[in-house]
Amino acid sequence: MYKGKRIGVVVTAYNEAAFVGTVIETVPDFVDRIYAVDDASPDNSWDVIQRVASRINETAESTPELTVTDGGEGRRVVPIRHDENRGYGAAVKTGYEHAAADEMDVVAVLNGDGQMDPDILDRIIDPVVEGEADYAKGNRLLTPEDRSGMSSFRFLGNAMLTGLSKFASGYWTIGDPQNGYTAISREAIEELDLEAITDRYGFLNHILTHLNVHERRVADVPMTAIYGDEESSIRYVPFIRFVSLLLLRSFLWRLKTRYVVQEFHPAVVFYGTGAVGLVGGSAGLGGSLVRLLRDDEGSVGMIGSFVATLLGLIALGFGIWLDADENDSLEVTSGEPDRTGTDSRPPTHSIE
């Protein structure tokens, strides 16, 4: 128990035999249940999970007030294995479903690669435990010190996906969407349509869009990037391409659902006008430039296309402004921590 709340932690693993055991062993004592999900790893991750789980469960105190879905009352670590590899998102969703069934109040995620410091788990879950947010996530991009351990390639890719995720999700002040150090309330898990959220690595971006459609509050928690000897299984070019297309579809789905189906909002008009103006104006500018290079008359068309592009940019700006204003109350910003891992000043929040 932590501040009167039952805490569950999902530990995801795919080819993490060298790290996942240590991750499970270092989960703080205030966590009631650990769901170690092996996504059909071809290495011996599952053997490590079973061995560590058996050792911890033998010494863990019995907790009969909790009911484990597979009948294992009293176990602190619940090993779960997928029969086939389904993707990172599927592993998280499996953990969510088990934790919600066991009536955990708050469910956090610790990846099995050892990149998430268990000593700051309380900081990650606090916004959800205290009712300030429905979903909290770490952010490694807020200060140069926090992102110093991140390579330039990772930083550039993350920064690009952060910008795209702001459009898609509607959370305009939330950064580092690829950060998997998260916490979520049981109520949010039960409300979300988990089947509609991707099973792949774009899960972290996709779930933000679904949270926004349900008007759930999201908190950004500063944390330091940690990288060691682990090797990422992500192929970055296909990953960025897949997630970019996913975010485009998510953006259109969010606009349709929140600003057309649920209620009409003028942001959708400005977004649509801006898109038409930019696409039409840019195409016109390109055509006019080709005609000018061929010594044809293209100056009049170029002026018209420039005006259309400018109006498109203005309309897009108004759309972003209206969208950000509509979602401002759903964004929670935590205070900047000091370098010792504790907050150096009280948190400030954007909600009233």
Protein backbone atom coordinates (compact mmCIF):
# COMPACT_ATOMS: atom_id res chain seq x y z
CA MET A 1 0.00 0.00 0.00
CA TYR A 2 1.10 3.55 -0.72
CA LYS A 3 -0.83 6.48 0.76
CA GLY A 4 -3.86 4.24 1.10
CA LYS A 5 -3.74 3.01 -2.52
CA ARG A 6 -3.01 -0.45 -3.87
CA ILE A 7 -0.09 -0.23 -6.27
CA GLY A 8 0.62 -2.63 -9.11
CA VAL A 9 3.70 -2.59 -11.34
CA VAL A 10 3.91 -4.10 -14.82
CA VAL A 11 7.43 -5.24 -15.74
CA THR A 12 7.70 -5.85 -19.49
CA ALA A 13 10.38 -8.09 -20.95
CA TYR A 14 11.57 -9.09 -24.41
CA ASN A 15 15.08 -10.49 -24.59
CA GLU A 16 15.96 -8.93 -21.22
CA ALA A 17 17.38 -11.95 -19.41
CA ALA A 18 20.39 -9.93 -18.24
CA PHE A 19 18.30 -7.18 -16.63
CA VAL A 20 14.72 -8.23 -15.87
CA GLY A 21 15.57 -10.16 -12.70
CA THR A 22 17.26 -7.15 -11.15
CA VAL A 23 14.36 -4.90 -12.18
CA ILE A 24 11.85 -7.17 -10.40
CA GLU A 25 14.04 -7.46 -7.30
CA THR A 26 14.44 -3.68 -6.96
CA VAL A 27 10.75 -2.76 -7.17
CA PRO A 28 10.04 -0.77 -3.97
CA ASP A 29 8.44 -2.53 -1.01
CA PHE A 30 5.32 -0.35 -1.11
CA VAL A 31 4.24 -2.05 -4.36
CA ASP A 32 1.54 -4.65 -3.68
CA ARG A 33 1.84 -6.74 -6.82
CA ILE A 34 4.30 -7.09 -9.70
CA TYR A 35 3.10 -8.40 -13.06
CA ALA A 36 6.16 -9.66 -14.95
CA VAL A 37 5.11 -10.05 -18.59
CA ASP A 38 7.42 -11.91 -20.96
CA ASP A 39 6.47 -11.24 -24.59
CA ALA A 40 7.61 -14.68 -25.83
CA SER A 41 11.32 -13.85 -25.58
CA PRO A 42 13.59 -16.22 -27.52
CA ASP A 43 16.25 -15.89 -24.81
CA ASN A 44 15.84 -17.17 -21.24
CA SER A 45 13.98 -14.12 -19.89
CA TRP A 46 11.05 -16.34 -18.88
CA ASP A 47 13.30 -18.65 -16.87
CA VAL A 48 14.77 -15.65 -15.05
CA ILE A 49 11.30 -14.25 -14.31
CA GLN A 50 10.06 -17.57 -12.92
CA ARG A 51 13.16 -18.07 -10.79
CA VAL A 52 13.07 -14.56 -9.28
CA ALA A 53 9.30 -14.69 -8.81
CA SER A 54 9.54 -18.00 -6.97
CA ARG A 55 12.21 -16.67 -4.63
CA ILE A 56 10.35 -13.44 -3.86
CA ASN A 57 6.99 -15.16 -3.41
CA GLU A 58 8.44 -17.64 -0.94
CA THR A 59 9.46 -14.83 1.39
CA ALA A 60 6.64 -12.35 0.69
CA GLU A 61 4.03 -11.82 3.37
CA SER A 62 0.61 -13.28 2.57
CA THR A 63 -1.93 -10.71 1.38
CA PRO A 64 -5.28 -12.57 1.43
CA GLU A 65 -7.29 -9.39 0.88
CA LEU A 66 -6.02 -9.34 -2.71
CA THR A 67 -7.40 -11.74 -5.30
CA VAL A 68 -5.11 -12.87 -8.11
CA THR A 69 -6.92 -13.77 -11.32
CA ASP A 70 -5.12 -17.10 -11.73
CA GLY A 71 -5.84 -18.25 -8.19
CA GLY A 72 -2.42 -17.49 -6.74
CA GLU A 73 -3.49 -15.61 -3.60
CA GLY A 74 -0.60 -14.15 -1.66
CA ARG A 75 1.90 -13.94 -4.50
CA ARG A 76 3.70 -10.64 -4.83
CA VAL A 77 5.11 -11.43 -8.28
CA VAL A 78 2.76 -12.78 -10.96
CA PRO A 79 4.70 -14.23 -13.93
CA ILE A 80 2.83 -14.00 -17.25
CA ARG A 81 4.04 -15.22 -20.63
CA HIS A 82 2.61 -14.61 -24.10
CA ASP A 83 2.44 -17.70 -26.29
CA GLU A 84 3.74 -15.62 -29.19
CA ASN A 85 5.44 -12.28 -29.60
CA ARG A 86 2.73 -9.62 -29.72
CA GLY A 87 4.60 -6.35 -29.19
CA TYR A 88 5.45 -3.95 -26.39
CA GLY A 89 1.96 -2.46 -26.23
CA ALA A 90 0.39 -5.90 -25.90
CA ALA A 91 2.68 -6.69 -22.94
CA VAL A 92 1.65 -3.49 -21.16
CA LYS A 93 -2.03 -4.12 -21.89
CA THR A 94 -1.79 -7.68 -20.51
CA GLY A 95 -0.35 -6.27 -17.30
CA TYR A 96 -3.03 -3.58 -17.15
CA GLU A 97 -5.82 -6.13 -17.52
CA HIS A 98 -4.46 -8.35 -14.74
CA ALA A 99 -3.88 -5.40 -12.40
CA ALA A 100 -7.36 -3.99 -12.99
CA ALA A 101 -8.89 -7.42 -12.35
CA ASP A 102 -6.93 -7.57 -9.07
CA GLU A 103 -8.33 -4.13 -8.16
CA MET A 104 -5.01 -2.30 -8.05
CA ASP A 105 -5.76 1.42 -7.65
CA VAL A 106 -2.69 2.66 -9.56
CA VAL A 107 -0.64 0.69 -12.09
CA ALA A 108 2.90 1.70 -13.07
CA VAL A 109 5.14 0.31 -15.80
CA LEU A 110 8.83 -0.55 -15.41
CA ASN A 111 10.51 -1.90 -18.52
CA GLY A 112 12.71 -4.92 -18.00
CA ASP A 113 15.78 -3.26 -19.55
CA GLY A 114 16.86 -1.46 -16.37
CA GLN A 115 16.56 2.05 -17.84
CA MET A 116 13.97 3.17 -15.27
CA ASP A 117 15.14 4.06 -11.78
CA PRO A 118 12.90 2.27 -9.25
CA ASP A 119 13.95 4.79 -6.59
CA ILE A 120 11.79 7.47 -8.25
CA LEU A 121 8.70 5.29 -8.66
CA ASP A 122 6.96 7.27 -5.92
CA ARG A 123 7.47 10.46 -7.94
CA ILE A 124 5.96 8.84 -11.04
CA ILE A 125 2.85 7.52 -9.26
CA ASP A 126 2.25 10.51 -6.92
CA PRO A 127 0.16 12.59 -9.40
CA VAL A 128 -2.19 9.61 -9.88
CA VAL A 129 -2.22 8.52 -6.25
CA GLU A 130 -3.06 12.05 -5.11
CA GLY A 131 -5.82 12.46 -7.70
CA GLU A 132 -4.12 15.23 -9.66
CA ALA A 133 -3.90 13.16 -12.85
CA ASP A 134 -5.27 9.96 -14.35
CA TYR A 135 -2.01 9.13 -16.15
CA ALA A 136 1.54 10.21 -15.35
CA LYS A 137 4.69 9.77 -17.41
CA GLY A 138 8.35 10.60 -17.14
CA ASN A 139 9.96 13.31 -19.25
CA ARG A 140 13.71 13.18 -19.98
CA LEU A 141 13.77 16.28 -22.19
CA LEU A 142 13.02 19.11 -19.79
CA THR A 143 16.61 19.97 -18.80
CA PRO A 144 20.07 19.45 -20.34
CA GLU A 145 21.10 17.51 -17.23
CA ASP A 146 18.21 15.06 -17.58
CA ARG A 147 18.85 14.33 -21.25
CA SER A 148 22.65 14.26 -21.04
CA GLY A 149 22.70 10.46 -21.23
CA MET A 150 20.62 10.42 -24.42
CA SER A 151 22.43 10.15 -27.74
CA SER A 152 21.94 12.87 -30.37
CA PHE A 153 20.14 10.38 -32.63
CA ARG A 154 17.72 9.38 -29.88
CA PHE A 155 17.17 13.02 -28.93
CA LEU A 156 16.40 14.15 -32.48
CA GLY A 157 14.02 11.25 -33.08
CA ASN A 158 12.32 11.81 -29.76
CA ALA A 159 11.99 15.56 -30.40
CA MET A 160 10.37 14.92 -33.77
CA LEU A 161 7.90 12.41 -32.33
CA THR A 162 7.18 14.81 -29.46
CA GLY A 163 6.04 17.45 -31.94
CA LEU A 164 3.88 15.00 -33.89
CA SER A 165 2.42 13.60 -30.66
CA LYS A 166 1.33 17.06 -29.54
CA PHE A 167 -0.83 17.34 -32.66
CA ALA A 168 -2.14 13.80 -32.36
CA SER A 169 -2.86 13.73 -28.64
CA GLY A 170 -3.92 17.32 -27.90
CA TYR A 171 -1.57 17.46 -24.89
CA TRP A 172 0.45 20.44 -26.06
CA THR A 173 2.71 20.83 -23.00
CA ILE A 174 3.48 17.11 -22.57
CA GLY A 175 6.88 16.00 -23.90
CA ASP A 176 8.94 12.83 -24.36
CA PRO A 177 5.98 10.66 -25.47
CA GLN A 178 8.30 7.65 -25.94
CA ASN A 179 8.99 7.51 -22.21
CA GLY A 180 7.53 4.25 -20.91
CA TYR A 181 7.95 5.07 -17.22
CA THR A 182 4.25 5.63 -16.56
CA ALA A 183 1.43 5.28 -14.04
CA ILE A 184 -2.30 5.06 -14.67
CA SER A 185 -5.42 4.82 -12.52
CA ARG A 186 -7.59 1.72 -12.57
CA GLU A 187 -10.56 3.87 -13.58
CA ALA A 188 -8.69 5.06 -16.68
CA ILE A 189 -7.73 1.48 -17.61
CA GLU A 190 -11.34 0.35 -17.32
CA GLU A 191 -12.60 3.26 -19.41
CA LEU A 192 -10.11 2.87 -22.26
CA ASP A 193 -10.78 0.54 -25.18
CA LEU A 194 -7.43 -1.25 -24.93
CA GLU A 195 -8.15 -3.36 -28.01
CA ALA A 196 -8.27 -0.18 -30.11
CA ILE A 197 -4.76 0.84 -29.03
CA THR A 198 -1.83 -0.55 -31.00
CA ASP A 199 0.11 -3.55 -29.68
CA ARG A 200 3.37 -2.25 -31.14
CA TYR A 201 5.92 0.27 -29.87
CA GLY A 202 3.67 3.16 -30.89
CA PHE A 203 1.48 2.22 -27.91
CA LEU A 204 2.89 5.03 -25.76
CA ASN A 205 1.95 7.66 -28.35
CA HIS A 206 -1.38 6.06 -29.19
CA ILE A 207 -2.62 5.78 -25.61
CA LEU A 208 -2.20 9.54 -25.13
CA THR A 209 -4.68 10.20 -27.94
CA HIS A 210 -7.20 7.81 -26.39
CA LEU A 211 -6.74 9.42 -22.97
CA ASN A 212 -7.43 12.82 -24.53
CA VAL A 213 -10.64 11.66 -26.21
CA HIS A 214 -11.81 10.48 -22.78
CA GLU A 215 -10.69 13.87 -21.36
CA ARG A 216 -8.30 12.30 -18.88
CA ARG A 217 -5.66 14.41 -17.12
CA VAL A 218 -2.00 13.65 -17.91
CA ALA A 219 1.03 14.65 -15.80
CA ASP A 220 4.61 15.17 -16.98
CA VAL A 221 7.20 14.15 -14.37
CA PRO A 222 10.86 15.23 -14.84
CA MET A 223 13.38 12.39 -14.74
CA THR A 224 16.92 11.63 -15.90
CA ALA A 225 17.67 9.45 -18.91
CA ILE A 226 19.49 6.24 -17.93
CA TYR A 227 21.27 4.07 -20.48
CA GLY A 228 23.63 1.19 -19.81
CA ASP A 229 24.74 -1.95 -21.65
CA GLU A 230 21.26 -2.91 -22.85
CA GLU A 231 20.58 -3.08 -26.58
CA SER A 232 17.35 -1.72 -27.97
CA SER A 233 15.25 -4.05 -30.12
CA ILE A 234 13.75 -1.07 -31.97
CA ARG A 235 14.71 -0.46 -35.60
CA TYR A 236 14.42 3.30 -35.58
CA VAL A 237 13.70 4.14 -39.22
CA PRO A 238 10.76 1.71 -39.60
CA PHE A 239 9.63 2.66 -36.09
CA ILE A 240 9.52 6.40 -36.82
CA ARG A 241 7.74 5.77 -40.13
CA PHE A 242 5.12 3.52 -38.48
CA VAL A 243 4.52 5.85 -35.54
CA SER A 244 4.31 8.95 -37.78
CA LEU A 245 1.51 7.35 -39.83
CA LEU A 246 -0.15 6.14 -36.63
CA LEU A 247 -0.08 9.66 -35.21
CA LEU A 248 -1.60 11.13 -38.38
CA ARG A 249 -4.51 8.68 -38.14
CA SER A 250 -4.80 9.37 -34.41
CA PHE A 251 -4.92 13.12 -35.00
CA LEU A 252 -7.76 12.80 -37.52
CA TRP A 253 -9.63 10.36 -35.26
CA ARG A 254 -9.30 12.68 -32.26
CA LEU A 255 -10.60 15.70 -34.18
CA LYS A 256 -13.56 13.74 -35.53
CA THR A 257 -14.44 12.17 -32.17
CA ARG A 258 -13.97 15.13 -29.82
CA TYR A 259 -14.71 18.11 -32.08
CA VAL A 260 -17.37 16.71 -34.39
CA VAL A 261 -19.08 13.66 -32.86
CA GLN A 262 -19.01 14.51 -29.14
CA GLU A 263 -19.50 18.24 -29.65
CA PHE A 264 -18.73 20.79 -32.32
CA HIS A 265 -15.59 22.83 -31.75
CA PRO A 266 -14.26 25.55 -34.12
CA ALA A 267 -10.72 24.15 -33.90
CA VAL A 268 -11.66 21.51 -36.46
CA VAL A 269 -12.70 24.23 -38.95
CA PHE A 270 -9.40 26.08 -38.59
CA TYR A 271 -7.41 22.85 -38.84
CA GLY A 272 -9.27 21.90 -42.03
CA THR A 273 -8.90 25.36 -43.55
CA GLY A 274 -5.23 25.45 -42.66
CA ALA A 275 -4.58 22.05 -44.25
CA VAL A 276 -6.35 23.01 -47.49
CA GLY A 277 -4.54 26.34 -47.64
CA LEU A 278 -1.12 24.83 -47.04
CA VAL A 279 -1.52 21.94 -49.46
CA GLY A 280 -3.15 24.02 -52.20
CA GLY A 281 -0.84 26.99 -51.73
CA SER A 282 2.31 24.86 -51.66
CA ALA A 283 1.26 23.00 -54.81
CA GLY A 284 0.50 26.32 -56.50
CA LEU A 285 3.86 27.77 -55.50
CA GLY A 286 5.62 24.74 -56.90
CA GLY A 287 3.74 24.98 -60.20
CA SER A 288 4.33 28.72 -60.49
CA LEU A 289 8.04 28.28 -59.83
CA VAL A 290 8.27 25.69 -62.62
CA ARG A 291 6.51 28.07 -65.06
CA LEU A 292 8.83 30.92 -64.12
CA LEU A 293 11.87 28.74 -64.75
CA ARG A 294 10.42 27.97 -68.19
CA ASP A 295 10.02 31.72 -68.85
CA ASP A 296 6.22 31.39 -68.75
CA GLU A 297 3.97 33.84 -66.96
CA GLY A 298 3.78 32.54 -63.42
CA SER A 299 4.11 35.60 -61.19
CA VAL A 300 0.35 36.16 -60.73
CA GLY A 301 -0.21 32.54 -59.80
CA MET A 302 2.73 32.67 -57.42
CA ILE A 303 1.26 35.63 -55.57
CA GLY A 304 -2.10 33.88 -55.22
CA SER A 305 -0.45 30.70 -54.04
CA PHE A 306 1.66 32.61 -51.53
CA VAL A 307 -1.46 34.26 -50.11
CA ALA A 308 -3.20 30.87 -49.85
CA THR A 309 -0.19 29.41 -48.05
CA LEU A 310 -0.02 32.35 -45.66
CA LEU A 311 -3.74 32.11 -44.88
CA GLY A 312 -3.30 28.37 -44.35
CA LEU A 313 -0.53 28.99 -41.83
CA ILE A 314 -2.65 31.55 -39.99
CA ALA A 315 -5.65 29.20 -39.89
CA LEU A 316 -3.43 26.36 -38.65
CA GLY A 317 -2.07 28.63 -35.92
CA PHE A 318 -5.59 29.49 -34.78
CA GLY A 319 -6.48 25.80 -34.79
CA ILE A 320 -3.50 24.95 -32.57
CA TRP A 321 -4.32 27.84 -30.22
CA LEU A 322 -7.94 26.76 -29.84
CA ASP A 323 -6.94 23.12 -29.43
CA ALA A 324 -4.32 23.93 -26.78
CA ASP A 325 -6.76 26.15 -24.89
CA GLU A 326 -9.42 23.42 -24.91
CA ASN A 327 -7.00 20.87 -23.45
CA ASP A 328 -5.13 23.09 -21.00
CA SER A 329 -7.09 21.77 -18.00
CA LEU A 330 -6.08 18.19 -18.87
CA GLU A 331 -2.32 18.83 -18.51
CA VAL A 332 -0.45 18.67 -15.21
CA THR A 333 3.15 19.85 -14.85
CA SER A 334 5.25 18.60 -11.94
CA GLY A 335 8.06 20.61 -10.36
CA GLU A 336 11.65 20.19 -11.54
CA PRO A 337 13.52 17.68 -9.36
CA ASP A 338 16.98 18.32 -8.00
CA ARG A 339 19.87 16.06 -9.04
CA THR A 340 19.53 13.86 -5.94
CA GLY A 341 16.22 12.46 -7.20
CA THR A 342 13.90 14.47 -4.92
CA ASP A 343 11.91 17.56 -5.78
CA SER A 344 13.70 20.81 -5.00
CA ARG A 345 10.51 22.86 -4.91
CA PRO A 346 6.81 22.17 -4.52
CA PRO A 347 5.03 20.99 -7.66
CA THR A 348 3.01 23.44 -9.70
CA HIS A 349 -0.02 22.35 -11.63
CA SER A 350 -1.86 23.73 -14.61
CA ILE A 351 -5.22 22.43 -13.38
CA GLU A 352 -7.39 24.53 -11.11
